[in-house]
Amino acid sequence: MRSAVRLTGVSKGAVLRLLVSVGNACAAYQDRVIRNVAAKRVQIDEIWSFVGCKEKNVTVEKMEAGICGDVHRD
């Protein structure tokens, strides 16, 4: 984000608004144009992220409370 602000000379808010606008336009375009795709095979990667901290850094108290750690969606 800082690089985009520095390169363009506009505010961070302006860059974020543009990203939202372009994202919405791309979503609308895909919804309109990509239809009836006959897929014989679909390959997706797993989604991994962490909440609060990585699993290796979770304390017993946090683990018992279920408030942080790794999140996997396969």
PDB file of N, CA and C in Angstrom:
ATOM      1  N   MET A   1       0.818  -1.173   0.000  1.00  0.00           N
ATOM      2  CA  MET A   1       0.000   0.000   0.000  1.00  0.00           C
ATOM      3  C   MET A   1       0.877   1.258   0.000  1.00  0.00           C
ATOM      4  N   ARG A   2       1.896   1.231   0.845  1.00  0.00           N
ATOM      5  CA  ARG A   2       2.781   2.406   0.904  1.00  0.00           C
ATOM      6  C   ARG A   2       3.457   2.659  -0.434  1.00  0.00           C
ATOM      7  N   SER A   3       3.833   1.580  -1.103  1.00  0.00           N
ATOM      8  CA  SER A   3       4.480   1.736  -2.413  1.00  0.00           C
ATOM      9  C   SER A   3       3.531   2.366  -3.416  1.00  0.00           C
ATOM     10  N   ALA A   4       2.281   1.925  -3.423  1.00  0.00           N
ATOM     11  CA  ALA A   4       1.296   2.484  -4.353  1.00  0.00           C
ATOM     12  C   ALA A   4       1.065   3.965  -4.068  1.00  0.00           C
ATOM     13  N   VAL A   5       0.991   4.312  -2.792  1.00  0.00           N
ATOM     14  CA  VAL A   5       0.811   5.719  -2.413  1.00  0.00           C
ATOM     15  C   VAL A   5       2.014   6.539  -2.863  1.00  0.00           C
ATOM     16  N   ARG A   6       3.197   6.013  -2.614  1.00  0.00           N
ATOM     17  CA  ARG A   6       4.418   6.726  -2.977  1.00  0.00           C
ATOM     18  C   ARG A   6       4.539   6.885  -4.493  1.00  0.00           C
ATOM     19  N   LEU A   7       4.246   5.819  -5.248  1.00  0.00           N
ATOM     20  CA  LEU A   7       4.375   5.873  -6.706  1.00  0.00           C
ATOM     21  C   LEU A   7       3.346   6.781  -7.360  1.00  0.00           C
ATOM     22  N   THR A   8       2.129   6.784  -6.826  1.00  0.00           N
ATOM     23  CA  THR A   8       1.064   7.569  -7.453  1.00  0.00           C
ATOM     24  C   THR A   8       0.968   8.991  -6.933  1.00  0.00           C
ATOM     25  N   GLY A   9       1.426   9.204  -5.696  1.00  0.00           N
ATOM     26  CA  GLY A   9       1.340  10.534  -5.119  1.00  0.00           C
ATOM     27  C   GLY A   9      -0.047  10.880  -4.605  1.00  0.00           C
ATOM     28  N   VAL A  10      -0.914   9.868  -4.449  1.00  0.00           N
ATOM     29  CA  VAL A  10      -2.253  10.102  -3.912  1.00  0.00           C
ATOM     30  C   VAL A  10      -2.353   9.495  -2.521  1.00  0.00           C
ATOM     31  N   SER A  11      -3.435   9.787  -1.831  1.00  0.00           N
ATOM     32  CA  SER A  11      -3.586   9.310  -0.458  1.00  0.00           C
ATOM     33  C   SER A  11      -3.894   7.815  -0.412  1.00  0.00           C
ATOM     34  N   LYS A  12      -3.648   7.232   0.754  1.00  0.00           N
ATOM     35  CA  LYS A  12      -3.948   5.817   0.980  1.00  0.00           C
ATOM     36  C   LYS A  12      -5.444   5.556   0.786  1.00  0.00           C
ATOM     37  N   GLY A  13      -6.269   6.475   1.268  1.00  0.00           N
ATOM     38  CA  GLY A  13      -7.719   6.336   1.113  1.00  0.00           C
ATOM     39  C   GLY A  13      -8.134   6.291  -0.350  1.00  0.00           C
ATOM     40  N   ALA A  14      -7.487   7.107  -1.184  1.00  0.00           N
ATOM     41  CA  ALA A  14      -7.805   7.119  -2.616  1.00  0.00           C
ATOM     42  C   ALA A  14      -7.444   5.784  -3.261  1.00  0.00           C
ATOM     43  N   VAL A  15      -6.298   5.231  -2.885  1.00  0.00           N
ATOM     44  CA  VAL A  15      -5.880   3.933  -3.430  1.00  0.00           C
ATOM     45  C   VAL A  15      -6.857   2.846  -2.987  1.00  0.00           C
ATOM     46  N   LEU A  16      -7.256   2.869  -1.709  1.00  0.00           N
ATOM     47  CA  LEU A  16      -8.200   1.866  -1.208  1.00  0.00           C
ATOM     48  C   LEU A  16      -9.557   1.977  -1.898  1.00  0.00           C
ATOM     49  N   ARG A  17     -10.037   3.203  -2.105  1.00  0.00           N
ATOM     50  CA  ARG A  17     -11.316   3.383  -2.808  1.00  0.00           C
ATOM     51  C   ARG A  17     -11.231   2.849  -4.233  1.00  0.00           C
ATOM     52  N   LEU A  18     -10.103   3.086  -4.897  1.00  0.00           N
ATOM     53  CA  LEU A  18      -9.915   2.575  -6.250  1.00  0.00           C
ATOM     54  C   LEU A  18      -9.902   1.049  -6.261  1.00  0.00           C
ATOM     55  N   LEU A  19      -9.231   0.437  -5.282  1.00  0.00           N
ATOM     56  CA  LEU A  19      -9.206  -1.021  -5.196  1.00  0.00           C
ATOM     57  C   LEU A  19     -10.614  -1.596  -5.016  1.00  0.00           C
ATOM     58  N   VAL A  20     -11.407  -0.978  -4.170  1.00  0.00           N
ATOM     59  CA  VAL A  20     -12.781  -1.433  -3.961  1.00  0.00           C
ATOM     60  C   VAL A  20     -13.583  -1.286  -5.252  1.00  0.00           C
ATOM     61  N   SER A  21     -13.428  -0.152  -5.913  1.00  0.00           N
ATOM     62  CA  SER A  21     -14.151   0.102  -7.157  1.00  0.00           C
ATOM     63  C   SER A  21     -13.771  -0.903  -8.246  1.00  0.00           C
ATOM     64  N   VAL A  22     -12.479  -1.138  -8.406  1.00  0.00           N
ATOM     65  CA  VAL A  22     -12.013  -2.098  -9.423  1.00  0.00           C
ATOM     66  C   VAL A  22     -12.450  -3.512  -9.057  1.00  0.00           C
ATOM     67  N   GLY A  23     -12.370  -3.867  -7.775  1.00  0.00           N
ATOM     68  CA  GLY A  23     -12.821  -5.192  -7.341  1.00  0.00           C
ATOM     69  C   GLY A  23     -14.290  -5.417  -7.634  1.00  0.00           C
ATOM     70  N   ASN A  24     -15.117  -4.414  -7.361  1.00  0.00           N
ATOM     71  CA  ASN A  24     -16.546  -4.531  -7.653  1.00  0.00           C
ATOM     72  C   ASN A  24     -16.805  -4.646  -9.149  1.00  0.00           C
ATOM     73  N   ALA A  25     -16.073  -3.880  -9.953  1.00  0.00           N
ATOM     74  CA  ALA A  25     -16.227  -3.954 -11.405  1.00  0.00           C
ATOM     75  C   ALA A  25     -15.815  -5.327 -11.927  1.00  0.00           C
ATOM     76  N   CYS A  26     -14.729  -5.878 -11.387  1.00  0.00           N
ATOM     77  CA  CYS A  26     -14.275  -7.216 -11.808  1.00  0.00           C
ATOM     78  C   CYS A  26     -15.298  -8.282 -11.423  1.00  0.00           C
ATOM     79  N   ALA A  27     -15.845  -8.186 -10.220  1.00  0.00           N
ATOM     80  CA  ALA A  27     -16.852  -9.156  -9.778  1.00  0.00           C
ATOM     81  C   ALA A  27     -18.094  -9.086 -10.657  1.00  0.00           C
ATOM     82  N   ALA A  28     -18.539  -7.871 -10.983  1.00  0.00           N
ATOM     83  CA  ALA A  28     -19.715  -7.703 -11.848  1.00  0.00           C
ATOM     84  C   ALA A  28     -19.442  -8.266 -13.242  1.00  0.00           C
ATOM     85  N   TYR A  29     -18.249  -8.013 -13.769  1.00  0.00           N
ATOM     86  CA  TYR A  29     -17.878  -8.526 -15.090  1.00  0.00           C
ATOM     87  C   TYR A  29     -17.875 -10.052 -15.096  1.00  0.00           C
ATOM     88  N   GLN A  30     -17.246 -10.658 -14.100  1.00  0.00           N
ATOM     89  CA  GLN A  30     -17.202 -12.117 -14.042  1.00  0.00           C
ATOM     90  C   GLN A  30     -18.594 -12.710 -13.882  1.00  0.00           C
ATOM     91  N   ASP A  31     -19.421 -12.095 -13.058  1.00  0.00           N
ATOM     92  CA  ASP A  31     -20.793 -12.587 -12.885  1.00  0.00           C
ATOM     93  C   ASP A  31     -21.575 -12.521 -14.186  1.00  0.00           C
ATOM     94  N   ARG A  32     -21.309 -11.494 -14.988  1.00  0.00           N
ATOM     95  CA  ARG A  32     -22.024 -11.304 -16.247  1.00  0.00           C
ATOM     96  C   ARG A  32     -21.485 -12.195 -17.366  1.00  0.00           C
ATOM     97  N   VAL A  33     -20.184 -12.364 -17.444  1.00  0.00           N
ATOM     98  CA  VAL A  33     -19.558 -13.001 -18.601  1.00  0.00           C
ATOM     99  C   VAL A  33     -19.281 -14.493 -18.412  1.00  0.00           C
ATOM    100  N   ILE A  34     -18.832 -14.894 -17.256  1.00  0.00           N
ATOM    101  CA  ILE A  34     -18.436 -16.283 -17.050  1.00  0.00           C
ATOM    102  C   ILE A  34     -19.662 -17.088 -16.653  1.00  0.00           C
ATOM    103  N   ARG A  35     -20.167 -17.835 -17.592  1.00  0.00           N
ATOM    104  CA  ARG A  35     -21.382 -18.631 -17.393  1.00  0.00           C
ATOM    105  C   ARG A  35     -21.210 -20.018 -17.992  1.00  0.00           C
ATOM    106  N   ASN A  36     -21.868 -20.988 -17.393  1.00  0.00           N
ATOM    107  CA  ASN A  36     -21.947 -22.355 -17.927  1.00  0.00           C
ATOM    108  C   ASN A  36     -20.586 -22.933 -18.294  1.00  0.00           C
ATOM    109  N   VAL A  37     -19.645 -22.825 -17.397  1.00  0.00           N
ATOM    110  CA  VAL A  37     -18.320 -23.399 -17.618  1.00  0.00           C
ATOM    111  C   VAL A  37     -18.401 -24.894 -17.350  1.00  0.00           C
ATOM    112  N   ALA A  38     -18.090 -25.666 -18.358  1.00  0.00           N
ATOM    113  CA  ALA A  38     -18.133 -27.122 -18.236  1.00  0.00           C
ATOM    114  C   ALA A  38     -16.778 -27.608 -17.731  1.00  0.00           C
ATOM    115  N   ALA A  39     -16.642 -27.685 -16.436  1.00  0.00           N
ATOM    116  CA  ALA A  39     -15.374 -28.089 -15.844  1.00  0.00           C
ATOM    117  C   ALA A  39     -15.385 -29.586 -15.559  1.00  0.00           C
ATOM    118  N   LYS A  40     -14.401 -30.279 -16.056  1.00  0.00           N
ATOM    119  CA  LYS A  40     -14.269 -31.704 -15.788  1.00  0.00           C
ATOM    120  C   LYS A  40     -13.420 -31.935 -14.544  1.00  0.00           C
ATOM    121  N   ARG A  41     -12.535 -30.987 -14.266  1.00  0.00           N
ATOM    122  CA  ARG A  41     -11.661 -31.106 -13.105  1.00  0.00           C
ATOM    123  C   ARG A  41     -11.395 -29.707 -12.544  1.00  0.00           C
ATOM    124  N   VAL A  42     -11.559 -29.562 -11.255  1.00  0.00           N
ATOM    125  CA  VAL A  42     -11.288 -28.290 -10.596  1.00  0.00           C
ATOM    126  C   VAL A  42     -10.242 -28.531  -9.525  1.00  0.00           C
ATOM    127  N   GLN A  43      -9.181 -27.753  -9.552  1.00  0.00           N
ATOM    128  CA  GLN A  43      -8.124 -27.893  -8.560  1.00  0.00           C
ATOM    129  C   GLN A  43      -8.038 -26.599  -7.774  1.00  0.00           C
ATOM    130  N   ILE A  44      -8.089 -26.716  -6.453  1.00  0.00           N
ATOM    131  CA  ILE A  44      -7.963 -25.547  -5.603  1.00  0.00           C
ATOM    132  C   ILE A  44      -6.899 -25.811  -4.552  1.00  0.00           C
ATOM    133  N   ASP A  45      -6.267 -24.760  -4.114  1.00  0.00           N
ATOM    134  CA  ASP A  45      -5.278 -24.880  -3.048  1.00  0.00           C
ATOM    135  C   ASP A  45      -5.976 -24.729  -1.711  1.00  0.00           C
ATOM    136  N   GLU A  46      -5.380 -25.296  -0.694  1.00  0.00           N
ATOM    137  CA  GLU A  46      -5.951 -25.127   0.633  1.00  0.00           C
ATOM    138  C   GLU A  46      -5.786 -23.672   1.065  1.00  0.00           C
ATOM    139  N   ILE A  47      -6.672 -23.244   1.916  1.00  0.00           N
ATOM    140  CA  ILE A  47      -6.585 -21.903   2.470  1.00  0.00           C
ATOM    141  C   ILE A  47      -6.093 -22.045   3.905  1.00  0.00           C
ATOM    142  N   TRP A  48      -5.014 -21.327   4.234  1.00  0.00           N
ATOM    143  CA  TRP A  48      -4.477 -21.392   5.579  1.00  0.00           C
ATOM    144  C   TRP A  48      -4.244 -19.970   6.062  1.00  0.00           C
ATOM    145  N   SER A  49      -4.601 -19.727   7.264  1.00  0.00           N
ATOM    146  CA  SER A  49      -4.316 -18.439   7.881  1.00  0.00           C
ATOM    147  C   SER A  49      -4.248 -18.641   9.380  1.00  0.00           C
ATOM    148  N   PHE A  50      -3.978 -17.588  10.097  1.00  0.00           N
ATOM    149  CA  PHE A  50      -3.974 -17.699  11.545  1.00  0.00           C
ATOM    150  C   PHE A  50      -4.708 -16.514  12.146  1.00  0.00           C
ATOM    151  N   VAL A  51      -5.266 -16.739  13.323  1.00  0.00           N
ATOM    152  CA  VAL A  51      -6.005 -15.710  14.034  1.00  0.00           C
ATOM    153  C   VAL A  51      -5.262 -15.427  15.335  1.00  0.00           C
ATOM    154  N   GLY A  52      -4.849 -14.202  15.517  1.00  0.00           N
ATOM    155  CA  GLY A  52      -4.167 -13.830  16.757  1.00  0.00           C
ATOM    156  C   GLY A  52      -2.694 -14.181  16.768  1.00  0.00           C
ATOM    157  N   CYS A  53      -2.382 -15.432  16.543  1.00  0.00           N
ATOM    158  CA  CYS A  53      -0.996 -15.878  16.477  1.00  0.00           C
ATOM    159  C   CYS A  53      -0.947 -17.246  15.813  1.00  0.00           C
ATOM    160  N   LYS A  54       0.238 -17.621  15.386  1.00  0.00           N
ATOM    161  CA  LYS A  54       0.402 -18.938  14.773  1.00  0.00           C
ATOM    162  C   LYS A  54       0.264 -20.022  15.836  1.00  0.00           C
ATOM    163  N   GLU A  55      -0.128 -21.217  15.389  1.00  0.00           N
ATOM    164  CA  GLU A  55      -0.396 -22.332  16.301  1.00  0.00           C
ATOM    165  C   GLU A  55       0.771 -22.596  17.256  1.00  0.00           C
ATOM    166  N   LYS A  56       1.995 -22.473  16.758  1.00  0.00           N
ATOM    167  CA  LYS A  56       3.163 -22.764  17.594  1.00  0.00           C
ATOM    168  C   LYS A  56       3.314 -21.772  18.752  1.00  0.00           C
ATOM    169  N   ASN A  57       2.662 -20.610  18.675  1.00  0.00           N
ATOM    170  CA  ASN A  57       2.767 -19.594  19.718  1.00  0.00           C
ATOM    171  C   ASN A  57       1.536 -19.506  20.619  1.00  0.00           C
ATOM    172  N   VAL A  58       0.587 -20.404  20.439  1.00  0.00           N
ATOM    173  CA  VAL A  58      -0.641 -20.372  21.229  1.00  0.00           C
ATOM    174  C   VAL A  58      -0.365 -20.880  22.646  1.00  0.00           C
ATOM    175  N   THR A  59      -0.787 -20.115  23.641  1.00  0.00           N
ATOM    176  CA  THR A  59      -0.639 -20.556  25.022  1.00  0.00           C
ATOM    177  C   THR A  59      -1.790 -21.493  25.386  1.00  0.00           C
ATOM    178  N   VAL A  60      -1.645 -22.235  26.461  1.00  0.00           N
ATOM    179  CA  VAL A  60      -2.687 -23.160  26.908  1.00  0.00           C
ATOM    180  C   VAL A  60      -3.984 -22.405  27.182  1.00  0.00           C
ATOM    181  N   GLU A  61      -3.868 -21.227  27.815  1.00  0.00           N
ATOM    182  CA  GLU A  61      -5.061 -20.437  28.139  1.00  0.00           C
ATOM    183  C   GLU A  61      -5.804 -20.013  26.871  1.00  0.00           C
ATOM    184  N   LYS A  62      -5.052 -19.551  25.879  1.00  0.00           N
ATOM    185  CA  LYS A  62      -5.677 -19.120  24.621  1.00  0.00           C
ATOM    186  C   LYS A  62      -6.280 -20.310  23.882  1.00  0.00           C
ATOM    187  N   MET A  63      -5.607 -21.463  23.934  1.00  0.00           N
ATOM    188  CA  MET A  63      -6.111 -22.649  23.260  1.00  0.00           C
ATOM    189  C   MET A  63      -7.432 -23.088  23.886  1.00  0.00           C
ATOM    190  N   GLU A  64      -7.479 -23.102  25.213  1.00  0.00           N
ATOM    191  CA  GLU A  64      -8.707 -23.505  25.904  1.00  0.00           C
ATOM    192  C   GLU A  64      -9.853 -22.536  25.621  1.00  0.00           C
ATOM    193  N   ALA A  65      -9.522 -21.253  25.488  1.00  0.00           N
ATOM    194  CA  ALA A  65     -10.549 -20.251  25.190  1.00  0.00           C
ATOM    195  C   ALA A  65     -10.941 -20.277  23.711  1.00  0.00           C
ATOM    196  N   GLY A  66     -10.106 -20.887  22.871  1.00  0.00           N
ATOM    197  CA  GLY A  66     -10.391 -20.978  21.440  1.00  0.00           C
ATOM    198  C   GLY A  66     -10.378 -19.633  20.738  1.00  0.00           C
ATOM    199  N   ILE A  67      -9.496 -18.735  21.187  1.00  0.00           N
ATOM    200  CA  ILE A  67      -9.503 -17.387  20.627  1.00  0.00           C
ATOM    201  C   ILE A  67      -8.395 -17.127  19.614  1.00  0.00           C
ATOM    202  N   CYS A  68      -7.517 -18.100  19.373  1.00  0.00           N
ATOM    203  CA  CYS A  68      -6.467 -17.871  18.392  1.00  0.00           C
ATOM    204  C   CYS A  68      -5.892 -19.200  17.917  1.00  0.00           C
ATOM    205  N   GLY A  69      -5.077 -19.110  16.887  1.00  0.00           N
ATOM    206  CA  GLY A  69      -4.422 -20.294  16.342  1.00  0.00           C
ATOM    207  C   GLY A  69      -4.627 -20.419  14.846  1.00  0.00           C
ATOM    208  N   ASP A  70      -4.204 -21.537  14.298  1.00  0.00           N
ATOM    209  CA  ASP A  70      -4.312 -21.776  12.866  1.00  0.00           C
ATOM    210  C   ASP A  70      -5.752 -22.038  12.455  1.00  0.00           C
ATOM    211  N   VAL A  71      -6.043 -21.635  11.229  1.00  0.00           N
ATOM    212  CA  VAL A  71      -7.359 -21.884  10.642  1.00  0.00           C
ATOM    213  C   VAL A  71      -7.121 -22.563   9.298  1.00  0.00           C
ATOM    214  N   HIS A  72      -7.667 -23.751   9.119  1.00  0.00           N
ATOM    215  CA  HIS A  72      -7.487 -24.502   7.878  1.00  0.00           C
ATOM    216  C   HIS A  72      -8.835 -24.713   7.203  1.00  0.00           C
ATOM    217  N   ARG A  73      -8.866 -24.545   5.915  1.00  0.00           N
ATOM    218  CA  ARG A  73     -10.065 -24.885   5.135  1.00  0.00           C
ATOM    219  C   ARG A  73      -9.595 -25.684   3.940  1.00  0.00           C
ATOM    220  N   ASP A  74      -9.922 -26.935   3.913  1.00  0.00           N
ATOM    221  CA  ASP A  74      -9.486 -27.805   2.804  1.00  0.00           C
ATOM    222  C   ASP A  74     -10.633 -28.047   1.844  1.00  0.00           C
TER     223      ASP A  74
END
